[in-house]
Structures are given as C-alpha cells and as structure tokens.
C-alpha cells in the first residue's frame, strides 16, 4: 500500500468519523430528553447518570477519532 493510498484512507476515515461525532453531539444536545426516555425503557438510569454516560461516550469517541484517524492522516501528510 502506498503512502498516498493510506493518506486517502485516513482522510476519509477522519471525515466520516468526524461527521458521525458531530451528528451524535447534535442529537444529544437537541434531543437529549428523548434519548433518555428511549433508553429509560430498557435501563432504569437517573438523568444525571445518563448525562455523565453520554458525555463520557462523546469524549471517548472524540479522543479515538483524533488519535486513530486524524493523527495518522497528519503524519502521512507530513511524511508524503
């Protein structure tokens, strides 16, 4: 696999995962109560604990997107 192919792969991974992260954040910001009610049917969880879980999930997803998609793309862009 060439550097250009790997760079294109990581570029598209970054774009798609970044868009998914933004979409998830917007859905949680705009429809948080609806999401809590929907998941509350399956798991009895207080709203405060749900907020912590969602915030932790979005933070972890952001770190994963940055470390496993954006950083390799930048490194390949510098190297290539």
N, C-alpha and C. Protein backbone atom coordinates (compact mmCIF):
# COMPACT_ATOMS: atom_id res chain seq x y z
N UNK A 1 0.85 -1.17 0.00
CA UNK A 1 0.00 0.00 0.00
C UNK A 1 0.90 1.23 0.00
N UNK A 2 0.58 2.16 -0.85
CA UNK A 2 1.40 3.37 -0.94
C UNK A 2 0.96 4.38 0.12
N UNK A 3 1.83 5.36 0.33
CA UNK A 3 1.51 6.42 1.30
C UNK A 3 0.29 7.21 0.86
N UNK A 4 0.15 7.43 -0.43
CA UNK A 4 -1.00 8.18 -0.94
C UNK A 4 -2.31 7.45 -0.68
N UNK A 5 -2.30 6.13 -0.85
CA UNK A 5 -3.50 5.34 -0.59
C UNK A 5 -3.85 5.36 0.89
N UNK A 6 -2.85 5.19 1.74
CA UNK A 6 -3.09 5.23 3.18
C UNK A 6 -3.56 6.61 3.63
N UNK A 7 -2.97 7.65 3.03
CA UNK A 7 -3.38 9.02 3.38
C UNK A 7 -4.82 9.27 2.97
N UNK A 8 -5.21 8.81 1.79
CA UNK A 8 -6.60 8.97 1.35
C UNK A 8 -7.55 8.19 2.25
N UNK A 9 -7.13 7.00 2.66
CA UNK A 9 -7.94 6.19 3.58
C UNK A 9 -8.17 6.92 4.89
N UNK A 10 -7.10 7.43 5.51
CA UNK A 10 -7.24 8.12 6.79
C UNK A 10 -7.98 9.45 6.64
N UNK A 11 -7.86 10.08 5.49
CA UNK A 11 -8.62 11.32 5.26
C UNK A 11 -10.12 11.02 5.29
N UNK A 12 -10.54 9.99 4.56
CA UNK A 12 -11.96 9.66 4.53
C UNK A 12 -12.45 9.12 5.87
N UNK A 13 -11.60 8.37 6.57
CA UNK A 13 -11.97 7.92 7.92
C UNK A 13 -12.19 9.11 8.84
N UNK A 14 -11.31 10.10 8.75
CA UNK A 14 -11.44 11.30 9.58
C UNK A 14 -12.71 12.06 9.24
N UNK A 15 -13.00 12.21 7.97
CA UNK A 15 -14.21 12.94 7.55
C UNK A 15 -15.46 12.22 8.02
N UNK A 16 -15.54 10.93 7.76
CA UNK A 16 -16.74 10.17 8.13
C UNK A 16 -16.93 10.07 9.64
N UNK A 17 -15.86 9.76 10.37
CA UNK A 17 -15.97 9.65 11.82
C UNK A 17 -16.19 11.02 12.47
N UNK A 18 -15.59 12.07 11.91
CA UNK A 18 -15.85 13.41 12.43
C UNK A 18 -17.29 13.83 12.22
N UNK A 19 -17.85 13.50 11.05
CA UNK A 19 -19.26 13.80 10.79
C UNK A 19 -20.16 13.02 11.74
N UNK A 20 -19.83 11.77 11.99
CA UNK A 20 -20.61 10.96 12.93
C UNK A 20 -20.53 11.53 14.34
N UNK A 21 -19.36 12.00 14.74
CA UNK A 21 -19.19 12.61 16.06
C UNK A 21 -20.02 13.89 16.16
N UNK A 22 -19.99 14.73 15.14
CA UNK A 22 -20.77 15.97 15.15
C UNK A 22 -22.26 15.65 15.18
N UNK A 23 -22.69 14.68 14.38
CA UNK A 23 -24.10 14.30 14.36
C UNK A 23 -24.53 13.76 15.72
N UNK A 24 -23.72 12.92 16.33
CA UNK A 24 -24.04 12.39 17.66
C UNK A 24 -24.14 13.50 18.69
N UNK A 25 -23.22 14.45 18.63
CA UNK A 25 -23.24 15.57 19.57
C UNK A 25 -24.49 16.43 19.39
N UNK A 26 -24.85 16.70 18.14
CA UNK A 26 -26.05 17.49 17.88
C UNK A 26 -27.31 16.77 18.33
N UNK A 27 -27.39 15.48 18.07
CA UNK A 27 -28.56 14.72 18.51
C UNK A 27 -28.67 14.72 20.03
N UNK A 28 -27.55 14.54 20.71
CA UNK A 28 -27.58 14.55 22.18
C UNK A 28 -27.91 15.93 22.72
N UNK A 29 -27.45 16.97 22.05
CA UNK A 29 -27.73 18.33 22.51
C UNK A 29 -29.18 18.72 22.27
N UNK A 30 -29.73 18.31 21.13
CA UNK A 30 -31.08 18.75 20.75
C UNK A 30 -32.17 17.79 21.22
N UNK A 31 -31.86 16.52 21.34
CA UNK A 31 -32.89 15.54 21.67
C UNK A 31 -32.47 14.67 22.86
N UNK A 32 -31.78 15.27 23.82
CA UNK A 32 -31.28 14.52 24.97
C UNK A 32 -32.38 13.89 25.80
N UNK A 33 -33.46 14.61 26.00
CA UNK A 33 -34.56 14.08 26.81
C UNK A 33 -35.22 12.90 26.10
N UNK A 34 -35.39 13.00 24.81
CA UNK A 34 -35.99 11.90 24.05
C UNK A 34 -35.11 10.66 24.11
N UNK A 35 -33.80 10.84 23.98
CA UNK A 35 -32.87 9.72 24.06
C UNK A 35 -32.91 9.09 25.44
N UNK A 36 -32.98 9.93 26.48
CA UNK A 36 -33.06 9.40 27.85
C UNK A 36 -34.34 8.61 28.05
N UNK A 37 -35.47 9.10 27.55
CA UNK A 37 -36.73 8.36 27.68
C UNK A 37 -36.67 7.03 26.93
N UNK A 38 -36.08 7.05 25.72
CA UNK A 38 -36.00 5.84 24.92
C UNK A 38 -35.14 4.78 25.62
N UNK A 39 -33.98 5.19 26.13
CA UNK A 39 -33.12 4.24 26.82
C UNK A 39 -33.64 3.90 28.21
N UNK A 40 -34.42 4.80 28.79
CA UNK A 40 -35.01 4.55 30.10
C UNK A 40 -36.00 3.40 30.09
N UNK A 41 -36.55 3.10 28.93
CA UNK A 41 -37.44 1.95 28.82
C UNK A 41 -36.69 0.64 29.01
N UNK A 42 -35.43 0.61 28.59
CA UNK A 42 -34.63 -0.61 28.68
C UNK A 42 -33.81 -0.66 29.97
N UNK A 43 -33.25 0.47 30.35
CA UNK A 43 -32.35 0.52 31.51
C UNK A 43 -32.82 1.63 32.46
N UNK A 44 -33.18 1.29 33.68
CA UNK A 44 -33.58 2.33 34.63
C UNK A 44 -32.35 3.10 35.12
N UNK A 45 -32.13 4.27 34.55
CA UNK A 45 -30.95 5.07 34.87
C UNK A 45 -31.40 6.51 35.14
N UNK A 46 -30.92 7.11 36.23
CA UNK A 46 -31.28 8.51 36.50
C UNK A 46 -30.71 9.45 35.43
N UNK A 47 -31.35 10.59 35.28
CA UNK A 47 -30.94 11.54 34.25
C UNK A 47 -29.49 12.00 34.44
N UNK A 48 -29.08 12.22 35.68
CA UNK A 48 -27.71 12.69 35.94
C UNK A 48 -26.69 11.65 35.50
N UNK A 49 -26.94 10.38 35.80
CA UNK A 49 -26.02 9.32 35.39
C UNK A 49 -26.02 9.17 33.87
N UNK A 50 -27.17 9.36 33.26
CA UNK A 50 -27.26 9.29 31.80
C UNK A 50 -26.44 10.40 31.16
N UNK A 51 -26.52 11.60 31.73
CA UNK A 51 -25.73 12.73 31.21
C UNK A 51 -24.23 12.43 31.29
N UNK A 52 -23.80 11.86 32.39
CA UNK A 52 -22.39 11.51 32.55
C UNK A 52 -21.99 10.45 31.54
N UNK A 53 -22.84 9.46 31.32
CA UNK A 53 -22.52 8.39 30.36
C UNK A 53 -22.42 8.94 28.94
N UNK A 54 -23.36 9.80 28.55
CA UNK A 54 -23.34 10.37 27.20
C UNK A 54 -22.11 11.27 27.03
N UNK A 55 -21.83 12.10 28.03
CA UNK A 55 -20.68 12.99 27.96
C UNK A 55 -19.38 12.19 27.86
N UNK A 56 -19.29 11.11 28.63
CA UNK A 56 -18.11 10.24 28.58
C UNK A 56 -17.98 9.56 27.23
N UNK A 57 -19.10 9.09 26.69
CA UNK A 57 -19.08 8.44 25.38
C UNK A 57 -18.60 9.41 24.30
N UNK A 58 -19.13 10.63 24.29
CA UNK A 58 -18.73 11.60 23.27
C UNK A 58 -17.27 12.00 23.43
N UNK A 59 -16.81 12.13 24.66
CA UNK A 59 -15.39 12.45 24.90
C UNK A 59 -14.47 11.34 24.44
N UNK A 60 -14.83 10.09 24.75
CA UNK A 60 -14.03 8.96 24.31
C UNK A 60 -14.03 8.84 22.79
N UNK A 61 -15.19 9.06 22.18
CA UNK A 61 -15.26 9.00 20.73
C UNK A 61 -14.39 10.08 20.08
N UNK A 62 -14.38 11.27 20.68
CA UNK A 62 -13.54 12.35 20.15
C UNK A 62 -12.06 11.99 20.24
N UNK A 63 -11.64 11.43 21.36
CA UNK A 63 -10.24 11.03 21.51
C UNK A 63 -9.88 9.95 20.51
N UNK A 64 -10.76 8.99 20.31
CA UNK A 64 -10.49 7.90 19.37
C UNK A 64 -10.38 8.43 17.94
N UNK A 65 -11.31 9.32 17.56
CA UNK A 65 -11.25 9.89 16.21
C UNK A 65 -9.96 10.68 16.02
N UNK A 66 -9.57 11.46 17.00
CA UNK A 66 -8.35 12.24 16.88
C UNK A 66 -7.11 11.35 16.81
N UNK A 67 -7.02 10.37 17.70
CA UNK A 67 -5.81 9.56 17.80
C UNK A 67 -5.68 8.54 16.68
N UNK A 68 -6.78 7.94 16.25
CA UNK A 68 -6.69 6.85 15.29
C UNK A 68 -7.04 7.25 13.87
N UNK A 69 -7.54 8.47 13.66
CA UNK A 69 -7.87 8.92 12.30
C UNK A 69 -7.10 10.17 11.92
N UNK A 70 -7.21 11.22 12.72
CA UNK A 70 -6.61 12.49 12.35
C UNK A 70 -5.08 12.48 12.48
N UNK A 71 -4.56 11.94 13.57
CA UNK A 71 -3.11 11.93 13.77
C UNK A 71 -2.39 11.12 12.68
N UNK A 72 -2.87 9.91 12.32
CA UNK A 72 -2.19 9.22 11.20
C UNK A 72 -2.30 9.97 9.88
N UNK A 73 -3.44 10.63 9.64
CA UNK A 73 -3.59 11.41 8.42
C UNK A 73 -2.57 12.54 8.38
N UNK A 74 -2.41 13.25 9.48
CA UNK A 74 -1.45 14.36 9.54
C UNK A 74 -0.03 13.82 9.38
N UNK A 75 0.28 12.71 10.05
CA UNK A 75 1.62 12.12 9.94
C UNK A 75 1.94 11.69 8.51
N UNK A 76 0.97 11.08 7.84
CA UNK A 76 1.19 10.67 6.45
C UNK A 76 1.27 11.87 5.51
N UNK A 77 0.54 12.93 5.84
CA UNK A 77 0.61 14.14 5.02
C UNK A 77 1.97 14.79 5.14
N UNK A 78 2.54 14.79 6.35
CA UNK A 78 3.87 15.35 6.56
C UNK A 78 4.93 14.46 5.90
N UNK A 79 4.79 13.15 6.05
CA UNK A 79 5.79 12.22 5.51
C UNK A 79 5.74 12.13 3.98
N UNK A 80 4.53 12.30 3.43
CA UNK A 80 4.40 12.12 1.99
C UNK A 80 4.53 13.42 1.28
